[in-house]
C-alpha atoms as a PDB file:
ATOM      1  CA  ASN A   1      -3.284  25.959  15.533  1.00  0.00           C
ATOM      2  CA  LYS A   2      -6.367  26.867  13.484  1.00  0.00           C
ATOM      3  CA  PHE A   3      -6.668  30.845  13.740  1.00  0.00           C
ATOM      4  CA  LEU A   4      -2.794  31.027  13.186  1.00  0.00           C
ATOM      5  CA  ALA A   5      -2.889  28.653   9.981  1.00  0.00           C
ATOM      6  CA  ARG A   6      -6.117  30.704   8.680  1.00  0.00           C
ATOM      7  CA  THR A   7      -4.311  33.979   9.883  1.00  0.00           C
ATOM      8  CA  ILE A   8      -0.955  32.862   8.017  1.00  0.00           C
ATOM      9  CA  PHE A   9      -2.280  31.149   4.984  1.00  0.00           C
ATOM     10  CA  LYS A  10      -5.636  32.923   4.186  1.00  0.00           C
ATOM     11  CA  ASN A  11      -3.714  35.059   1.045  1.00  0.00           C
ATOM     12  CA  ALA A  12      -2.004  32.515  -0.110  1.00  0.00           C
ATOM     13  CA  PHE A  13      -2.101  32.269  -4.094  1.00  0.00           C
ATOM     14  CA  GLN A  14      -2.274  28.093  -4.171  1.00  0.00           C
ATOM     15  CA  ILE A  15      -2.180  25.886  -1.334  1.00  0.00           C
ATOM     16  CA  VAL A  16      -1.739  22.105  -2.996  1.00  0.00           C
ATOM     17  CA  ALA A  17      -3.195  18.861  -1.853  1.00  0.00           C
ATOM     18  CA  VAL A  18      -2.206  15.270  -3.069  1.00  0.00           C
ATOM     19  CA  SER A  19      -5.618  13.795  -2.851  1.00  0.00           C
ATOM     20  CA  ASP A  20      -9.247  14.860  -3.295  1.00  0.00           C
ATOM     21  CA  GLU A  21     -10.374  14.163   0.133  1.00  0.00           C
ATOM     22  CA  ILE A  22      -6.954  16.232   1.704  1.00  0.00           C
ATOM     23  CA  GLU A  23      -8.201  18.897  -0.631  1.00  0.00           C
ATOM     24  CA  LYS A  24     -12.238  18.563   1.282  1.00  0.00           C
ATOM     25  CA  LYS A  25     -10.377  18.112   4.543  1.00  0.00           C
ATOM     26  CA  ILE A  26      -8.302  21.793   3.850  1.00  0.00           C
ATOM     27  CA  ARG A  27     -11.383  23.583   2.971  1.00  0.00           C
ATOM     28  CA  GLU A  28     -13.555  22.414   5.454  1.00  0.00           C
ATOM     29  CA  ILE A  29     -11.333  22.797   8.731  1.00  0.00           C
ATOM     30  CA  TYR A  30      -9.528  26.117   7.436  1.00  0.00           C
ATOM     31  CA  GLY A  31     -11.892  27.693   5.338  1.00  0.00           C
ATOM     32  CA  TYR A  32      -9.545  28.057   2.463  1.00  0.00           C
ATOM     33  CA  LYS A  33     -10.447  28.827  -0.549  1.00  0.00           C
ATOM     34  CA  SER A  34      -7.532  28.527  -2.762  1.00  0.00           C
ATOM     35  CA  VAL A  35      -6.866  25.004  -2.660  1.00  0.00           C
ATOM     36  CA  LEU A  36      -6.065  22.230  -5.664  1.00  0.00           C
ATOM     37  CA  THR A  37      -5.545  18.807  -5.499  1.00  0.00           C
ATOM     38  CA  ILE A  38      -1.796  17.445  -7.811  1.00  0.00           C
ATOM     39  CA  TYR A  39      -1.768  13.695  -7.399  1.00  0.00           C
ATOM     40  CA  ASN A  40       1.976  13.080  -7.175  1.00  0.00           C
ATOM     41  CA  MET A  41       4.129  12.144 -10.132  1.00  0.00           C
ATOM     42  CA  LEU A  42       4.812   8.841 -11.438  1.00  0.00           C
ATOM     43  CA  GLU A  43       8.134   8.331 -13.639  1.00  0.00           C
ATOM     44  CA  PHE A  44       6.379   5.886 -16.232  1.00  0.00           C
ATOM     45  CA  GLU A  45       9.743   4.950 -18.137  1.00  0.00           C
ATOM     46  CA  LYS A  46      12.227   5.255 -15.655  1.00  0.00           C
ATOM     47  CA  ILE A  47       9.611   2.352 -13.632  1.00  0.00           C
ATOM     48  CA  ASP A  48       9.508   0.217 -17.009  1.00  0.00           C
ATOM     49  CA  LYS A  49      12.879   0.330 -17.010  1.00  0.00           C
ATOM     50  CA  ALA A  50      13.431  -0.194 -13.396  1.00  0.00           C
ATOM     51  CA  ALA A  51      10.695  -3.501 -13.054  1.00  0.00           C
ATOM     52  CA  MET A  52      12.253  -5.179 -15.799  1.00  0.00           C
ATOM     53  CA  GLN A  53      15.428  -6.079 -14.131  1.00  0.00           C
ATOM     54  CA  GLU A  54      15.993  -9.442 -13.433  1.00  0.00           C
ATOM     55  CA  ALA A  55      13.384 -10.824 -10.810  1.00  0.00           C
ATOM     56  CA  PRO A  56      14.560 -11.099  -7.078  1.00  0.00           C
ATOM     57  CA  PHE A  57      12.851 -14.279  -6.312  1.00  0.00           C
ATOM     58  CA  HIS A  58      11.749 -17.566  -7.694  1.00  0.00           C
ATOM     59  CA  PHE A  59       8.733 -18.081  -5.425  1.00  0.00           C
ATOM     60  CA  SER A  60       5.558 -16.717  -5.804  1.00  0.00           C
ATOM     61  CA  TYR A  61       4.873 -13.678  -2.859  1.00  0.00           C
ATOM     62  CA  ILE A  62       2.873 -11.083  -1.901  1.00  0.00           C
ATOM     63  CA  LEU A  63       4.273  -7.754  -1.206  1.00  0.00           C
ATOM     64  CA  ALA A  64       4.268  -5.024   1.617  1.00  0.00           C
ATOM     65  CA  ALA A  65       6.219  -1.427   1.820  1.00  0.00           C
ATOM     66  CA  GLY A  66       6.681   1.093   3.769  1.00  0.00           C
ATOM     67  CA  ARG A  67       8.388   2.675   6.937  1.00  0.00           C
ATOM     68  CA  MET A  68       8.002   0.922  10.087  1.00  0.00           C
ATOM     69  CA  THR A  69       7.811   2.969  12.032  1.00  0.00           C
ATOM     70  CA  LEU A  70       6.290   2.364  16.130  1.00  0.00           C
ATOM     71  CA  ASP A  71       2.988   4.515  15.820  1.00  0.00           C
ATOM     72  CA  ASN A  72       1.945   1.568  13.723  1.00  0.00           C
ATOM     73  CA  ASN A  73       0.163   3.126  10.872  1.00  0.00           C
ATOM     74  CA  LYS A  74       1.100   0.860   8.228  1.00  0.00           C
ATOM     75  CA  GLN A  75      -0.272  -1.739  10.530  1.00  0.00           C
ATOM     76  CA  PHE A  76       2.514  -4.630   9.374  1.00  0.00           C
ATOM     77  CA  ASP A  77       1.633  -6.647  12.370  1.00  0.00           C
ATOM     78  CA  LYS A  78      -2.399  -7.197  11.090  1.00  0.00           C
ATOM     79  CA  LEU A  79      -1.055  -8.226   8.085  1.00  0.00           C
ATOM     80  CA  ILE A  80       1.393 -10.418   9.194  1.00  0.00           C
ATOM     81  CA  GLU A  81      -1.579 -12.076  11.619  1.00  0.00           C
ATOM     82  CA  MET A  82      -4.036 -11.991   8.702  1.00  0.00           C
ATOM     83  CA  TYR A  83      -1.412 -13.757   6.591  1.00  0.00           C
ATOM     84  CA  ALA A  84      -0.673 -16.550   8.651  1.00  0.00           C
ATOM     85  CA  SER A  85      -4.628 -17.168   9.507  1.00  0.00           C
ATOM     86  CA  SER A  86      -4.850 -17.146   5.506  1.00  0.00           C
ATOM     87  CA  SER A  87      -4.574 -19.902   2.711  1.00  0.00           C
ATOM     88  CA  LEU A  88      -1.069 -18.370   1.926  1.00  0.00           C
ATOM     89  CA  PRO A  89       1.404 -20.228   3.725  1.00  0.00           C
ATOM     90  CA  GLN A  90      -0.079 -23.641   2.667  1.00  0.00           C
ATOM     91  CA  LYS A  91       0.295 -22.731  -0.779  1.00  0.00           C
ATOM     92  CA  ASN A  92       3.911 -21.886  -0.365  1.00  0.00           C
ATOM     93  CA  ILE A  93       3.086 -17.901  -1.010  1.00  0.00           C
ATOM     94  CA  ARG A  94       5.407 -15.780   1.055  1.00  0.00           C
ATOM     95  CA  LEU A  95       5.212 -12.492   2.263  1.00  0.00           C
ATOM     96  CA  VAL A  96       7.567  -9.990   1.730  1.00  0.00           C
ATOM     97  CA  PHE A  97       8.152  -6.818   3.173  1.00  0.00           C
ATOM     98  CA  LEU A  98      10.102  -3.797   2.040  1.00  0.00           C
ATOM     99  CA  GLY A  99      11.438  -0.676   4.299  1.00  0.00           C
ATOM    100  CA  ASP A 100      13.042  -0.525   8.046  1.00  0.00           C
ATOM    101  CA  GLY A 101      12.462   1.143  11.224  1.00  0.00           C
ATOM    102  CA  PRO A 102      12.840   0.771  14.640  1.00  0.00           C
ATOM    103  CA  GLN A 103       9.358  -1.436  14.728  1.00  0.00           C
ATOM    104  CA  LYS A 104      11.176  -4.286  12.144  1.00  0.00           C
ATOM    105  CA  SER A 105      12.664  -6.255  15.162  1.00  0.00           C
ATOM    106  CA  TYR A 106       9.305  -6.517  16.398  1.00  0.00           C
ATOM    107  CA  LEU A 107       7.966  -7.811  13.354  1.00  0.00           C
ATOM    108  CA  LYS A 108      10.455 -10.474  13.009  1.00  0.00           C
ATOM    109  CA  GLN A 109       9.588 -11.918  16.381  1.00  0.00           C
ATOM    110  CA  LEU A 110       5.868 -11.802  15.722  1.00  0.00           C
ATOM    111  CA  SER A 111       6.700 -13.965  12.243  1.00  0.00           C
ATOM    112  CA  GLU A 112       8.983 -15.881  14.631  1.00  0.00           C
ATOM    113  CA  GLN A 113       5.537 -16.285  17.324  1.00  0.00           C
ATOM    114  CA  LYS A 114       3.415 -17.467  14.613  1.00  0.00           C
ATOM    115  CA  GLU A 115       6.375 -20.335  12.766  1.00  0.00           C
ATOM    116  CA  LEU A 116       6.839 -18.117   9.533  1.00  0.00           C
ATOM    117  CA  GLN A 117      10.320 -17.317   9.434  1.00  0.00           C
ATOM    118  CA  HIS A 118      10.903 -19.059   6.807  1.00  0.00           C
ATOM    119  CA  LEU A 119       7.886 -17.768   4.636  1.00  0.00           C
ATOM    120  CA  SER A 120       8.389 -14.271   6.342  1.00  0.00           C
ATOM    121  CA  LEU A 121      10.718 -11.906   4.080  1.00  0.00           C
ATOM    122  CA  PHE A 122      12.182  -8.420   5.125  1.00  0.00           C
ATOM    123  CA  GLU A 123      14.441  -7.221   2.309  1.00  0.00           C
ATOM    124  CA  GLY A 124      15.086  -3.395   4.197  1.00  0.00           C
ATOM    125  CA  PHE A 125      15.041  -0.176   1.912  1.00  0.00           C
ATOM    126  CA  GLN A 126      15.692  -0.930  -1.622  1.00  0.00           C
ATOM    127  CA  GLU A 127      16.955   1.956  -4.470  1.00  0.00           C
ATOM    128  CA  ASN A 128      14.330   0.041  -6.951  1.00  0.00           C
ATOM    129  CA  PRO A 129      11.249  -1.351  -5.146  1.00  0.00           C
ATOM    130  CA  PHE A 130       9.764  -1.635  -8.827  1.00  0.00           C
ATOM    131  CA  VAL A 131      11.536  -5.015  -9.996  1.00  0.00           C
ATOM    132  CA  TYR A 132       9.706  -6.041  -6.107  1.00  0.00           C
ATOM    133  CA  MET A 133       6.424  -4.763  -7.259  1.00  0.00           C
ATOM    134  CA  LYS A 134       6.521  -6.427 -10.535  1.00  0.00           C
ATOM    135  CA  HIS A 135       6.631  -9.668 -10.005  1.00  0.00           C
ATOM    136  CA  ALA A 136       4.528  -9.725  -7.055  1.00  0.00           C
ATOM    137  CA  LEU A 137       1.397 -11.567  -7.558  1.00  0.00           C
ATOM    138  CA  PHE A 138      -0.072  -8.445  -5.889  1.00  0.00           C
ATOM    139  CA  THR A 139       0.351  -5.560  -3.483  1.00  0.00           C
ATOM    140  CA  THR A 140      -1.053  -5.172   0.151  1.00  0.00           C
ATOM    141  CA  LEU A 141      -1.695  -1.935   1.915  1.00  0.00           C
ATOM    142  CA  THR A 142      -2.775  -2.155   5.632  1.00  0.00           C
ATOM    143  CA  SER A 143      -3.022   1.583   7.020  1.00  0.00           C
ATOM    144  CA  VAL A 144      -4.755   3.341   9.085  1.00  0.00           C
ATOM    145  CA  ASN A 145      -4.304   6.787   6.796  1.00  0.00           C
ATOM    146  CA  GLU A 146      -2.272   7.690   4.276  1.00  0.00           C
ATOM    147  CA  GLY A 147      -1.928  11.039   1.838  1.00  0.00           C
ATOM    148  CA  LEU A 148      -1.954   9.218  -1.098  1.00  0.00           C
ATOM    149  CA  PRO A 149       0.003   5.820  -1.184  1.00  0.00           C
ATOM    150  CA  ASN A 150       3.066   5.906  -3.459  1.00  0.00           C
ATOM    151  CA  ILE A 151       2.660   2.016  -3.142  1.00  0.00           C
ATOM    152  CA  LEU A 152      -0.605   1.765  -4.635  1.00  0.00           C
ATOM    153  CA  THR A 153       0.068   3.857  -7.879  1.00  0.00           C
ATOM    154  CA  GLU A 154       3.629   2.636  -8.352  1.00  0.00           C
ATOM    155  CA  SER A 155       2.297  -1.140  -8.131  1.00  0.00           C
ATOM    156  CA  LEU A 156      -0.202  -0.546 -10.431  1.00  0.00           C
ATOM    157  CA  ALA A 157       2.468   1.025 -12.715  1.00  0.00           C
ATOM    158  CA  CYS A 158       4.148  -2.161 -13.086  1.00  0.00           C
ATOM    159  CA  GLY A 159       1.261  -4.468 -13.745  1.00  0.00           C
ATOM    160  CA  THR A 160       0.476  -5.338 -10.204  1.00  0.00           C
ATOM    161  CA  ALA A 161      -2.776  -5.477  -8.897  1.00  0.00           C
ATOM    162  CA  VAL A 162      -2.804  -3.875  -5.098  1.00  0.00           C
ATOM    163  CA  ILE A 163      -5.626  -4.570  -2.338  1.00  0.00           C
ATOM    164  CA  SER A 164      -5.970  -1.838   0.299  1.00  0.00           C
ATOM    165  CA  PHE A 165      -8.462  -0.596   2.915  1.00  0.00           C
ATOM    166  CA  ASP A 166     -10.470   2.174   2.003  1.00  0.00           C
ATOM    167  CA  CYS A 167      -8.856   4.781   4.760  1.00  0.00           C
ATOM    168  CA  LYS A 168      -8.418   8.064   4.406  1.00  0.00           C
ATOM    169  CA  SER A 169      -6.787   8.711   1.977  1.00  0.00           C
ATOM    170  CA  GLY A 170      -6.385   8.022  -1.252  1.00  0.00           C
ATOM    171  CA  PRO A 171      -7.196   4.589  -2.335  1.00  0.00           C
ATOM    172  CA  SER A 172     -10.521   5.604  -3.124  1.00  0.00           C
ATOM    173  CA  GLU A 173      -8.888   7.570  -5.838  1.00  0.00           C
ATOM    174  CA  ILE A 174      -6.754   5.125  -7.501  1.00  0.00           C
ATOM    175  CA  ILE A 175      -8.791   1.771  -7.113  1.00  0.00           C
ATOM    176  CA  ILE A 176     -11.042   0.782  -8.385  1.00  0.00           C
ATOM    177  CA  ASN A 177     -12.935  -2.139  -6.766  1.00  0.00           C
ATOM    178  CA  ARG A 178     -12.678  -4.776  -8.503  1.00  0.00           C
ATOM    179  CA  GLU A 179     -11.178  -3.724 -11.819  1.00  0.00           C
ATOM    180  CA  ASN A 180      -7.190  -3.193 -11.156  1.00  0.00           C
ATOM    181  CA  GLY A 181      -8.067  -4.040  -7.629  1.00  0.00           C
ATOM    182  CA  LEU A 182      -9.841  -4.845  -4.541  1.00  0.00           C
ATOM    183  CA  LEU A 183     -10.945  -2.034  -2.343  1.00  0.00           C
ATOM    184  CA  ILE A 184     -11.797  -3.060   1.319  1.00  0.00           C
ATOM    185  CA  GLU A 185     -13.830  -1.326   3.639  1.00  0.00           C
ATOM    186  CA  ASP A 186     -12.100   0.275   6.456  1.00  0.00           C
ATOM    187  CA  GLN A 187      -9.958  -1.567   8.409  1.00  0.00           C
ATOM    188  CA  ASN A 188     -12.684  -4.652   8.549  1.00  0.00           C
ATOM    189  CA  PHE A 189     -10.044  -7.335   8.678  1.00  0.00           C
ATOM    190  CA  ASP A 190     -11.908 -10.221   8.163  1.00  0.00           C
ATOM    191  CA  ALA A 191     -12.712  -9.104   4.436  1.00  0.00           C
ATOM    192  CA  PHE A 192      -9.004  -7.908   3.861  1.00  0.00           C
ATOM    193  CA  LEU A 193      -8.194 -11.447   4.624  1.00  0.00           C
ATOM    194  CA  ASN A 194     -11.106 -13.131   2.593  1.00  0.00           C
ATOM    195  CA  GLY A 195      -9.638 -11.007  -0.138  1.00  0.00           C
ATOM    196  CA  MET A 196      -6.405 -12.306  -0.131  1.00  0.00           C
ATOM    197  CA  ASP A 197      -7.600 -15.288  -0.347  1.00  0.00           C
ATOM    198  CA  GLU A 198      -9.893 -14.374  -3.101  1.00  0.00           C
ATOM    199  CA  LEU A 199      -6.714 -12.972  -5.010  1.00  0.00           C
ATOM    200  CA  VAL A 200      -4.804 -16.570  -4.453  1.00  0.00           C
ATOM    201  CA  ASN A 201      -7.674 -18.796  -5.084  1.00  0.00           C
ATOM    202  CA  ASP A 202      -9.224 -17.491  -8.404  1.00  0.00           C
ATOM    203  CA  ALA A 203      -6.424 -16.925 -11.054  1.00  0.00           C
ATOM    204  CA  ASN A 204      -8.869 -15.876 -13.306  1.00  0.00           C
ATOM    205  CA  LEU A 205      -9.860 -12.309 -10.963  1.00  0.00           C
ATOM    206  CA  LEU A 206      -6.139 -11.769 -10.379  1.00  0.00           C
ATOM    207  CA  ASN A 207      -5.018 -11.858 -13.898  1.00  0.00           C
ATOM    208  CA  TYR A 208      -8.336  -9.339 -15.005  1.00  0.00           C
ATOM    209  CA  LEU A 209      -7.231  -6.833 -11.873  1.00  0.00           C
ATOM    210  CA  LYS A 210      -3.880  -7.407 -13.602  1.00  0.00           C
ATOM    211  CA  SER A 211      -4.362  -6.443 -17.043  1.00  0.00           C
ATOM    212  CA  ASN A 212      -6.189  -3.418 -15.776  1.00  0.00           C
END
């Protein structure tokens, strides 16, 4: 409730947002003045150490991670459909999911319907996701919305390129398009599919993104 929110928080010393886009929205909707952005921190030494563990697989794969909830905010089903229509299965590049939730069984069934059960791996929750990020060809983000997606910042910290929708909010504050990843027009699934194909078919581009 806007009235209650304005009444309760108008005298707060500071209100902290996790992205510039959220800070802007808070200011516009509630009229707060004392708002600032503090990005989620990254423990680089911890990430580097964890990422140096033995590779989880000895095949090429792309990565997706997050809660598999029934609201389908992550749109993992759309990712499976794009993957099925891309050139990746023909190249034996697999799709690896990290995460759990009530949608997981449906996603497995969808993979089977697409005859991708041998190419789609559901690894569940992992204490060390960084080693998976480190060895992925690239990390994907297909969400409807985010706050500041850690999967993008953590993948980049592992030296892995990313491809993401330009959803609200966060990706545009993390990705420099065609410098450290691909920032795709929000919810343009054809463009996202083409971006995945481009990354696996253009080694020079992929290596350039990884280097940044």
